[in-house]
Amino acid sequence: MSSNLTNYKWQGQLVWSMTAGAAVVVLAFSALKISDFSVKKLVVLAVALFVSVLVNRYETVIPRTNIRFSPKHIFAFWGVICLGVGGGALLSASAGLARLTRAENGKTKSLFEASADVLATYLSGVTFYLALGFFPNANGSLSAGELANVKEILAAMSSMVVLHFLITASLDYLVQRAGIRGGIRPLLIDKFLRPGLAYTVSFFAALVIYGTFAKFGIEFGLVILPLSIVADVAYRMHCRSLAEKTREISEAAN
């Protein structure tokens, strides 16, 4: 995807603008809904947002593939289950913001991906609650983790992940097709086939995290906070050490 929106045809610019606008509306509505949260849930949301910003600045490559994996969807799926649709949308936005600040090039691409993720999280989250037999927001601040059992959540979560994938892949494909490059077959593979593995990993990871919270309580997030900070500091020190060694080797070679 091009880093400049003006490189796209009007169709691509229209899809980009509509997606970004819809995401803004979703975030505004989600921000209003957290006013119904209890103090405990507000604390958990704040901790989750902080951890999301820390973790989503990084991504890795799935072993034996060249597919890059980011934990952004894990936070979104867990947020929908434990904090409701609005909580999931806000966590999705925090992940997108973290990735946007790290994007040296392609700010337009990162912003579009963040908007598409927010919109997909909200729509798939609504579908998730409907699959459980609950109308979203009709139960106040109660979330699926407080309303349904694990088996019901597993089945509904499958539909949420599939819909989220189809929405983000379709929007990305439409904008890419309106760009300056890209054939149909390579785009279909890149947008619909390759991300499938990353979504599968996110699905199982979110399920494990939900199970952990279900067993130990939502306050388990307070344990994750210091661990995330320590891990982030350790990773930064490791990268700084590698950069220093690389500089020393380079200077010695010259």
Protein backbone atom coordinates (compact mmCIF):
# COMPACT_ATOMS: atom_id res chain seq x y z
CA MET A 1 0.00 0.00 0.00
CA SER A 2 1.31 3.40 -0.94
CA SER A 3 2.27 5.81 1.85
CA ASN A 4 0.60 8.72 0.05
CA LEU A 5 -3.19 8.83 -0.21
CA THR A 6 -3.04 11.00 -3.33
CA ASN A 7 -1.52 8.06 -5.22
CA TYR A 8 -4.89 6.30 -5.11
CA LYS A 9 -7.86 6.61 -7.38
CA TRP A 10 -10.93 8.33 -5.99
CA GLN A 11 -12.44 4.92 -5.12
CA GLY A 12 -9.50 4.10 -2.88
CA GLN A 13 -9.56 7.52 -1.25
CA LEU A 14 -13.29 7.10 -0.62
CA VAL A 15 -12.83 3.71 1.07
CA TRP A 16 -9.93 5.11 3.12
CA SER A 17 -11.92 8.15 4.26
CA MET A 18 -15.09 6.20 5.06
CA THR A 19 -13.13 3.64 7.07
CA ALA A 20 -11.30 6.33 9.06
CA GLY A 21 -14.54 8.24 9.65
CA ALA A 22 -16.38 5.13 10.83
CA ALA A 23 -13.51 4.33 13.20
CA VAL A 24 -13.73 7.80 14.75
CA VAL A 25 -17.46 7.35 15.34
CA VAL A 26 -16.88 3.92 16.88
CA LEU A 27 -14.20 5.26 19.22
CA ALA A 28 -16.38 8.17 20.31
CA PHE A 29 -19.24 5.80 21.10
CA SER A 30 -16.89 3.40 22.90
CA ALA A 31 -15.44 6.21 25.01
CA LEU A 32 -18.97 7.15 26.10
CA LYS A 33 -19.79 3.57 27.06
CA ILE A 34 -16.89 3.22 29.49
CA SER A 35 -18.71 5.66 31.76
CA ASP A 36 -20.79 2.63 32.80
CA PHE A 37 -17.68 0.73 33.92
CA SER A 38 -17.04 -0.05 37.55
CA VAL A 39 -13.87 1.27 39.13
CA LYS A 40 -12.31 -2.19 38.91
CA LYS A 41 -13.03 -2.44 35.19
CA LEU A 42 -11.70 1.05 34.58
CA VAL A 43 -8.44 0.07 36.28
CA VAL A 44 -8.21 -3.13 34.23
CA LEU A 45 -8.91 -1.19 31.03
CA ALA A 46 -6.24 1.37 31.88
CA VAL A 47 -3.71 -1.38 32.58
CA ALA A 48 -4.66 -3.20 29.37
CA LEU A 49 -4.28 0.00 27.32
CA PHE A 50 -0.86 0.64 28.81
CA VAL A 51 0.33 -2.93 28.19
CA SER A 52 -1.13 -2.82 24.66
CA VAL A 53 0.86 0.31 23.81
CA LEU A 54 4.03 -1.30 25.18
CA VAL A 55 3.65 -4.67 23.48
CA ASN A 56 2.26 -3.56 20.13
CA ARG A 57 5.32 -1.47 19.33
CA TYR A 58 6.96 -4.76 18.40
CA GLU A 59 6.18 -7.58 16.02
CA THR A 60 7.80 -10.88 15.18
CA VAL A 61 7.98 -13.34 12.30
CA ILE A 62 6.13 -16.64 12.64
CA PRO A 63 8.78 -19.44 12.54
CA ARG A 64 9.37 -21.06 9.14
CA THR A 65 7.32 -18.38 7.41
CA ASN A 66 7.87 -14.78 6.37
CA ILE A 67 4.56 -13.76 7.91
CA ARG A 68 4.90 -10.92 10.42
CA PHE A 69 2.83 -11.27 13.58
CA SER A 70 1.59 -8.52 15.87
CA PRO A 71 -0.35 -9.13 19.12
CA LYS A 72 -2.82 -6.34 18.27
CA HIS A 73 -5.70 -8.71 17.55
CA ILE A 74 -5.11 -10.65 20.76
CA PHE A 75 -5.81 -7.50 22.78
CA ALA A 76 -8.88 -6.69 20.69
CA PHE A 77 -10.43 -10.16 21.03
CA TRP A 78 -9.69 -10.38 24.74
CA GLY A 79 -11.05 -6.88 25.25
CA VAL A 80 -14.36 -7.73 23.56
CA ILE A 81 -14.75 -10.80 25.78
CA CYS A 82 -13.75 -9.28 29.12
CA LEU A 83 -14.51 -5.58 28.68
CA GLY A 84 -17.27 -5.50 26.10
CA VAL A 85 -17.37 -4.24 22.53
CA GLY A 86 -16.29 -0.73 23.50
CA GLY A 87 -13.34 -2.00 25.51
CA GLY A 88 -12.21 -4.14 22.60
CA ALA A 89 -12.45 -1.19 20.19
CA LEU A 90 -10.39 1.04 22.49
CA LEU A 91 -7.72 -1.65 22.88
CA SER A 92 -7.63 -2.08 19.11
CA ALA A 93 -7.11 1.68 18.73
CA SER A 94 -4.29 1.68 21.29
CA ALA A 95 -2.53 -1.08 19.37
CA GLY A 96 -2.90 0.87 16.13
CA LEU A 97 -1.56 4.03 17.78
CA ALA A 98 1.48 2.16 19.08
CA ARG A 99 2.23 0.79 15.63
CA LEU A 100 1.65 4.19 14.04
CA THR A 101 4.25 5.86 16.24
CA ARG A 102 6.78 3.21 15.23
CA ALA A 103 6.12 3.51 11.50
CA GLU A 104 9.02 5.41 9.99
CA ASN A 105 7.37 5.33 6.56
CA GLY A 106 3.86 4.58 5.44
CA LYS A 107 1.93 6.60 8.03
CA THR A 108 -1.07 6.54 5.69
CA LYS A 109 -0.96 2.76 5.53
CA SER A 110 -0.62 2.39 9.31
CA LEU A 111 -3.49 4.79 9.96
CA PHE A 112 -5.74 2.94 7.54
CA GLU A 113 -4.88 -0.43 9.10
CA ALA A 114 -5.61 0.97 12.57
CA SER A 115 -8.96 2.36 11.41
CA ALA A 116 -9.90 -0.90 9.71
CA ASP A 117 -8.99 -2.85 12.86
CA VAL A 118 -11.14 -0.61 15.07
CA LEU A 119 -14.12 -0.90 12.74
CA ALA A 120 -13.67 -4.66 12.36
CA THR A 121 -13.33 -5.12 16.12
CA TYR A 122 -16.56 -3.27 16.78
CA LEU A 123 -18.61 -5.05 14.10
CA SER A 124 -17.22 -8.49 14.91
CA GLY A 125 -17.69 -7.77 18.62
CA VAL A 126 -21.35 -6.99 18.07
CA THR A 127 -21.67 -10.27 16.15
CA PHE A 128 -19.91 -12.07 19.01
CA TYR A 129 -22.48 -10.90 21.55
CA LEU A 130 -25.39 -11.60 19.22
CA ALA A 131 -24.07 -15.15 18.75
CA LEU A 132 -24.17 -15.54 22.53
CA GLY A 133 -27.79 -14.39 22.56
CA PHE A 134 -27.13 -10.97 24.07
CA PHE A 135 -27.79 -7.62 22.47
CA PRO A 136 -24.64 -5.48 22.89
CA ASN A 137 -24.95 -2.72 25.49
CA ALA A 138 -28.28 -4.10 26.72
CA ASN A 139 -26.58 -5.55 29.80
CA GLY A 140 -24.99 -2.36 31.03
CA SER A 141 -21.30 -2.81 31.71
CA LEU A 142 -21.49 -6.62 31.90
CA SER A 143 -19.21 -8.45 29.47
CA ALA A 144 -19.31 -11.89 27.90
CA GLY A 145 -16.87 -13.17 30.50
CA GLU A 146 -19.56 -12.51 33.12
CA LEU A 147 -22.56 -13.68 31.09
CA ALA A 148 -21.57 -16.89 29.31
CA ASN A 149 -19.59 -20.09 29.86
CA VAL A 150 -16.36 -21.10 28.16
CA LYS A 151 -17.96 -23.38 25.54
CA GLU A 152 -20.39 -20.69 24.43
CA ILE A 153 -17.62 -18.13 24.26
CA LEU A 154 -15.41 -20.47 22.21
CA ALA A 155 -18.11 -20.94 19.56
CA ALA A 156 -19.00 -17.24 19.41
CA MET A 157 -15.36 -16.24 19.37
CA SER A 158 -14.80 -18.30 16.22
CA SER A 159 -17.39 -16.24 14.38
CA MET A 160 -15.86 -13.02 15.73
CA VAL A 161 -12.37 -13.89 14.51
CA VAL A 162 -13.58 -14.96 11.06
CA LEU A 163 -15.65 -11.80 10.59
CA HIS A 164 -12.82 -9.58 11.83
CA PHE A 165 -10.49 -11.21 9.32
CA LEU A 166 -12.92 -10.85 6.42
CA ILE A 167 -13.58 -7.16 7.16
CA THR A 168 -9.93 -6.12 7.48
CA ALA A 169 -8.81 -8.23 4.51
CA SER A 170 -11.62 -6.93 2.28
CA LEU A 171 -11.01 -3.27 3.15
CA ASP A 172 -7.26 -3.64 2.65
CA TYR A 173 -7.84 -5.38 -0.68
CA LEU A 174 -10.22 -2.70 -1.93
CA VAL A 175 -7.83 0.13 -1.13
CA GLN A 176 -4.87 -1.76 -2.55
CA ARG A 177 -6.72 -2.43 -5.79
CA ALA A 178 -7.32 1.28 -6.12
CA GLY A 179 -3.64 2.03 -5.66
CA ILE A 180 -0.86 2.32 -8.14
CA ARG A 181 0.11 -1.36 -8.27
CA GLY A 182 -1.07 -4.91 -7.63
CA GLY A 183 -2.59 -7.71 -9.66
CA ILE A 184 -5.67 -9.58 -8.51
CA ARG A 185 -4.13 -12.96 -7.73
CA PRO A 186 -1.09 -11.70 -5.74
CA LEU A 187 -3.37 -9.38 -3.78
CA LEU A 188 -5.82 -12.18 -2.94
CA ILE A 189 -2.95 -14.28 -1.63
CA ASP A 190 -1.38 -11.39 0.28
CA LYS A 191 -4.60 -10.09 1.83
CA PHE A 192 -6.70 -13.22 2.33
CA LEU A 193 -4.37 -16.22 2.53
CA ARG A 194 -1.23 -15.06 4.30
CA PRO A 195 -2.91 -13.27 7.25
CA GLY A 196 -4.94 -16.40 8.04
CA LEU A 197 -2.08 -17.98 10.01
CA ALA A 198 -1.57 -14.84 12.09
CA TYR A 199 -5.30 -14.75 12.90
CA THR A 200 -5.18 -18.41 13.93
CA VAL A 201 -2.35 -17.65 16.36
CA SER A 202 -4.27 -14.65 17.71
CA PHE A 203 -7.40 -16.76 18.19
CA PHE A 204 -5.70 -19.39 20.33
CA ALA A 205 -3.62 -16.84 22.23
CA ALA A 206 -6.70 -14.78 23.09
CA LEU A 207 -8.47 -17.96 24.17
CA VAL A 208 -5.62 -18.92 26.50
CA ILE A 209 -5.47 -15.43 27.98
CA TYR A 210 -9.23 -15.40 28.51
CA GLY A 211 -9.02 -18.79 30.24
CA THR A 212 -6.30 -17.48 32.51
CA PHE A 213 -8.37 -14.45 33.47
CA ALA A 214 -11.44 -16.66 33.98
CA LYS A 215 -9.48 -18.81 36.43
CA PHE A 216 -7.61 -16.14 38.38
CA GLY A 217 -9.95 -13.20 37.97
CA ILE A 218 -9.77 -10.03 35.91
CA GLU A 219 -7.33 -8.58 38.44
CA PHE A 220 -4.73 -10.87 36.89
CA GLY A 221 -4.03 -7.91 34.62
CA LEU A 222 -2.28 -6.22 37.53
CA VAL A 223 0.26 -9.04 37.44
CA ILE A 224 0.87 -8.60 33.72
CA LEU A 225 1.64 -4.89 34.08
CA PRO A 226 4.99 -5.13 35.89
CA LEU A 227 6.00 -8.12 33.77
CA SER A 228 5.36 -6.13 30.59
CA ILE A 229 7.38 -3.18 31.86
CA VAL A 230 10.31 -5.42 32.82
CA ALA A 231 10.17 -7.20 29.45
CA ASP A 232 10.07 -3.89 27.57
CA VAL A 233 13.05 -2.50 29.49
CA ALA A 234 15.00 -5.75 29.01
CA TYR A 235 14.32 -5.73 25.27
CA ARG A 236 15.41 -2.12 24.94
CA MET A 237 18.64 -2.85 26.81
CA HIS A 238 19.24 -5.88 24.57
CA CYS A 239 18.73 -3.82 21.40
CA ARG A 240 20.99 -1.07 22.72
CA SER A 241 23.68 -3.64 23.53
CA LEU A 242 23.45 -5.17 20.05
CA ALA A 243 23.66 -1.73 18.45
CA GLU A 244 26.75 -0.91 20.51
CA LYS A 245 28.46 -4.19 19.59
CA THR A 246 27.61 -3.67 15.92
CA ARG A 247 29.11 -0.18 16.06
CA GLU A 248 32.28 -1.49 17.72
CA ILE A 249 32.68 -4.23 15.09
CA SER A 250 32.13 -1.74 12.31
CA GLU A 251 34.71 0.66 13.73
CA ALA A 252 37.22 -2.17 14.21
CA ALA A 253 36.76 -3.30 10.59
CA ASN A 254 37.49 0.22 9.35
